[in-house]
Amino acid sequence: MTVIVVMGVAGSGKTTVGSALAERLGVEYAEADAFHPPANIAKMSSGHPLDDEDRWPWLHAIAAWISDHQATGGVVSSSALKRRYRDVLRTGGDVWFLHLDGPRDVLAERLQGRTGHFMPVSLLDSQLADLEPLETDERGLIADILEAPSAIVDRALTELAKEQP
């Protein structure tokens, strides 16, 4: 079965949309932040962006989760900012990406309003600079974060159903 990766920069609504999508599908949801080693969380908490060396173990852990959920399907969030990161996630099996995209000011406002999360607003610009949107040969959908989460879920399910045999 297809595993859906809900991707986007911090503040795009990955957890909200991902958990709603998993609930609608009746599958497990995994929060990508749970796959980060403590050193990554400490680095981001102190305002320093992760580099590729920091991300590889994290991405491989998510790919392993994707592999473990090929029989049942699942939904996992991941920033998946670069094509090469998504390539690692695809090593886990059949993946479909839901890219949550929106204006910087909305993202920043959402991050400022969050409590209890390690990702500071100061790292938003580094994520936006690294972001490589889905390419035409990548399975998935780009959704506008200004839409209601339920509308994004509806649209994602409609688009995914078009790809199913």
Protein backbone atom coordinates (compact mmCIF):
# COMPACT_ATOMS: atom_id res chain seq x y z
CA MET A 1 0.00 0.00 0.00
CA THR A 2 0.98 3.59 -0.44
CA VAL A 3 2.43 5.51 2.49
CA ILE A 4 1.64 9.21 2.40
CA VAL A 5 4.38 11.64 3.40
CA VAL A 6 3.00 15.02 4.45
CA MET A 7 5.84 17.43 3.72
CA GLY A 8 6.60 21.11 4.07
CA VAL A 9 8.49 23.61 6.14
CA ALA A 10 7.87 24.17 9.83
CA GLY A 11 4.47 25.70 10.50
CA SER A 12 2.85 24.37 7.33
CA GLY A 13 0.43 22.13 9.23
CA LYS A 14 2.02 18.72 8.69
CA THR A 15 0.85 17.33 12.04
CA THR A 16 -2.69 18.69 11.74
CA VAL A 17 -3.21 17.52 8.15
CA GLY A 18 -1.24 14.28 8.58
CA SER A 19 -3.14 13.12 11.64
CA ALA A 20 -6.49 14.01 10.02
CA LEU A 21 -5.50 12.14 6.86
CA ALA A 22 -4.45 9.06 8.83
CA GLU A 23 -7.71 9.13 10.78
CA ARG A 24 -9.76 9.32 7.58
CA LEU A 25 -7.80 6.41 6.09
CA GLY A 26 -7.82 4.36 9.30
CA VAL A 27 -4.04 3.99 9.27
CA GLU A 28 -1.20 4.80 11.65
CA TYR A 29 0.25 8.32 11.78
CA ALA A 30 3.88 8.99 12.66
CA GLU A 31 5.31 12.39 13.53
CA ALA A 32 8.71 12.86 11.89
CA ASP A 33 10.02 14.83 14.86
CA ALA A 34 9.90 11.58 16.87
CA PHE A 35 12.57 10.12 14.58
CA HIS A 36 15.12 12.87 15.32
CA PRO A 37 18.00 11.92 17.58
CA PRO A 38 18.37 14.16 20.66
CA ALA A 39 21.40 15.90 19.11
CA ASN A 40 19.28 17.15 16.19
CA ILE A 41 16.61 18.51 18.49
CA ALA A 42 19.23 20.24 20.62
CA LYS A 43 20.84 21.77 17.54
CA MET A 44 17.53 23.12 16.20
CA SER A 45 16.44 24.29 19.66
CA SER A 46 19.56 26.41 19.86
CA GLY A 47 18.68 28.08 16.55
CA HIS A 48 21.06 26.16 14.27
CA PRO A 49 19.74 24.53 11.10
CA LEU A 50 20.48 20.87 10.45
CA ASP A 51 22.91 19.97 7.72
CA ASP A 52 22.76 16.91 5.48
CA GLU A 53 24.92 14.84 7.84
CA ASP A 54 22.42 15.53 10.63
CA ARG A 55 19.49 14.58 8.41
CA TRP A 56 20.66 11.26 6.89
CA PRO A 57 20.04 9.05 9.96
CA TRP A 58 16.68 10.75 10.51
CA LEU A 59 15.62 10.23 6.90
CA HIS A 60 16.72 6.58 6.95
CA ALA A 61 14.69 6.01 10.14
CA ILE A 62 11.60 7.45 8.44
CA ALA A 63 12.28 5.31 5.34
CA ALA A 64 12.42 2.25 7.62
CA TRP A 65 9.03 3.21 9.07
CA ILE A 66 7.68 3.57 5.53
CA SER A 67 9.03 0.12 4.69
CA ASP A 68 7.42 -1.35 7.81
CA HIS A 69 4.05 0.10 6.74
CA GLN A 70 3.97 -1.02 3.12
CA ALA A 71 1.44 -3.77 3.90
CA THR A 72 -0.94 -1.57 5.91
CA GLY A 73 -0.32 1.92 4.58
CA GLY A 74 0.33 4.87 6.82
CA VAL A 75 0.89 8.60 7.02
CA VAL A 76 4.12 10.19 8.19
CA SER A 77 5.17 13.81 8.34
CA SER A 78 8.59 14.97 7.22
CA SER A 79 9.86 18.30 6.02
CA ALA A 80 11.37 16.42 3.03
CA LEU A 81 12.72 19.75 1.84
CA LYS A 82 15.03 18.51 -0.92
CA ARG A 83 14.59 16.05 -3.75
CA ARG A 84 17.51 13.96 -2.48
CA TYR A 85 15.79 13.68 0.93
CA ARG A 86 12.60 12.49 -0.75
CA ASP A 87 14.70 10.00 -2.73
CA VAL A 88 15.84 8.49 0.59
CA LEU A 89 12.23 8.29 1.79
CA ARG A 90 11.26 6.52 -1.45
CA THR A 91 13.75 3.74 -0.64
CA GLY A 92 11.20 2.65 1.99
CA GLY A 93 8.66 1.68 -0.68
CA ASP A 94 5.57 3.11 -2.36
CA VAL A 95 5.30 6.77 -1.31
CA TRP A 96 2.98 9.63 -2.25
CA PHE A 97 3.82 13.18 -1.14
CA LEU A 98 1.40 15.83 0.08
CA HIS A 99 3.37 19.09 0.02
CA LEU A 100 1.84 21.79 2.23
CA ASP A 101 2.88 25.16 0.84
CA GLY A 102 2.03 28.71 1.77
CA PRO A 103 3.13 32.30 2.35
CA ARG A 104 6.08 33.02 4.64
CA ASP A 105 4.12 35.46 6.79
CA VAL A 106 1.46 32.82 7.54
CA LEU A 107 4.15 30.23 8.35
CA ALA A 108 5.97 32.67 10.65
CA GLU A 109 2.73 33.61 12.42
CA ARG A 110 1.93 29.95 13.01
CA LEU A 111 5.42 29.27 14.39
CA GLN A 112 5.21 32.27 16.73
CA GLY A 113 1.92 30.98 18.09
CA ARG A 114 3.23 27.47 18.82
CA THR A 115 4.18 26.40 22.29
CA GLY A 116 6.18 23.38 23.40
CA HIS A 117 7.99 22.85 20.10
CA PHE A 118 11.73 23.00 19.55
CA MET A 119 11.70 24.69 16.12
CA PRO A 120 12.30 28.45 16.44
CA VAL A 121 10.92 30.98 13.94
CA SER A 122 14.51 31.97 13.21
CA LEU A 123 15.02 28.74 11.23
CA LEU A 124 12.07 29.30 8.88
CA ASP A 125 14.10 31.21 6.29
CA SER A 126 16.76 28.48 6.14
CA GLN A 127 14.02 25.91 5.51
CA LEU A 128 12.41 28.05 2.81
CA ALA A 129 15.83 28.50 1.16
CA ASP A 130 16.37 24.72 1.14
CA LEU A 131 12.87 23.85 -0.08
CA GLU A 132 12.74 22.15 -3.47
CA PRO A 133 9.05 21.78 -4.43
CA LEU A 134 7.84 18.49 -5.83
CA GLU A 135 8.97 17.92 -9.38
CA THR A 136 6.68 16.74 -12.15
CA ASP A 137 8.00 13.17 -11.93
CA GLU A 138 7.33 12.91 -8.18
CA ARG A 139 4.00 11.38 -7.16
CA GLY A 140 2.00 13.75 -5.03
CA LEU A 141 0.12 16.99 -4.67
CA ILE A 142 0.99 20.54 -3.67
CA ALA A 143 -1.72 21.99 -1.39
CA ASP A 144 -2.19 25.57 -0.24
CA ILE A 145 -2.04 25.93 3.56
CA LEU A 146 -4.62 28.71 3.36
CA GLU A 147 -7.22 26.01 2.64
CA ALA A 148 -8.93 24.37 5.61
CA PRO A 149 -7.19 21.16 6.73
CA SER A 150 -10.35 19.16 5.98
CA ALA A 151 -10.39 20.53 2.41
CA ILE A 152 -6.72 19.62 1.97
CA VAL A 153 -7.45 16.09 3.20
CA ASP A 154 -10.43 15.77 0.84
CA ARG A 155 -8.39 16.97 -2.12
CA ALA A 156 -5.45 14.69 -1.27
CA LEU A 157 -7.71 11.65 -1.02
CA THR A 158 -9.36 12.52 -4.35
CA GLU A 159 -6.00 12.92 -6.10
CA LEU A 160 -4.54 9.78 -4.56
CA ALA A 161 -7.62 7.75 -5.58
CA LYS A 162 -7.04 8.79 -9.21
CA GLU A 163 -3.65 7.05 -9.08
CA GLN A 164 -4.89 3.80 -7.55
CA PRO A 165 -5.55 0.89 -9.93
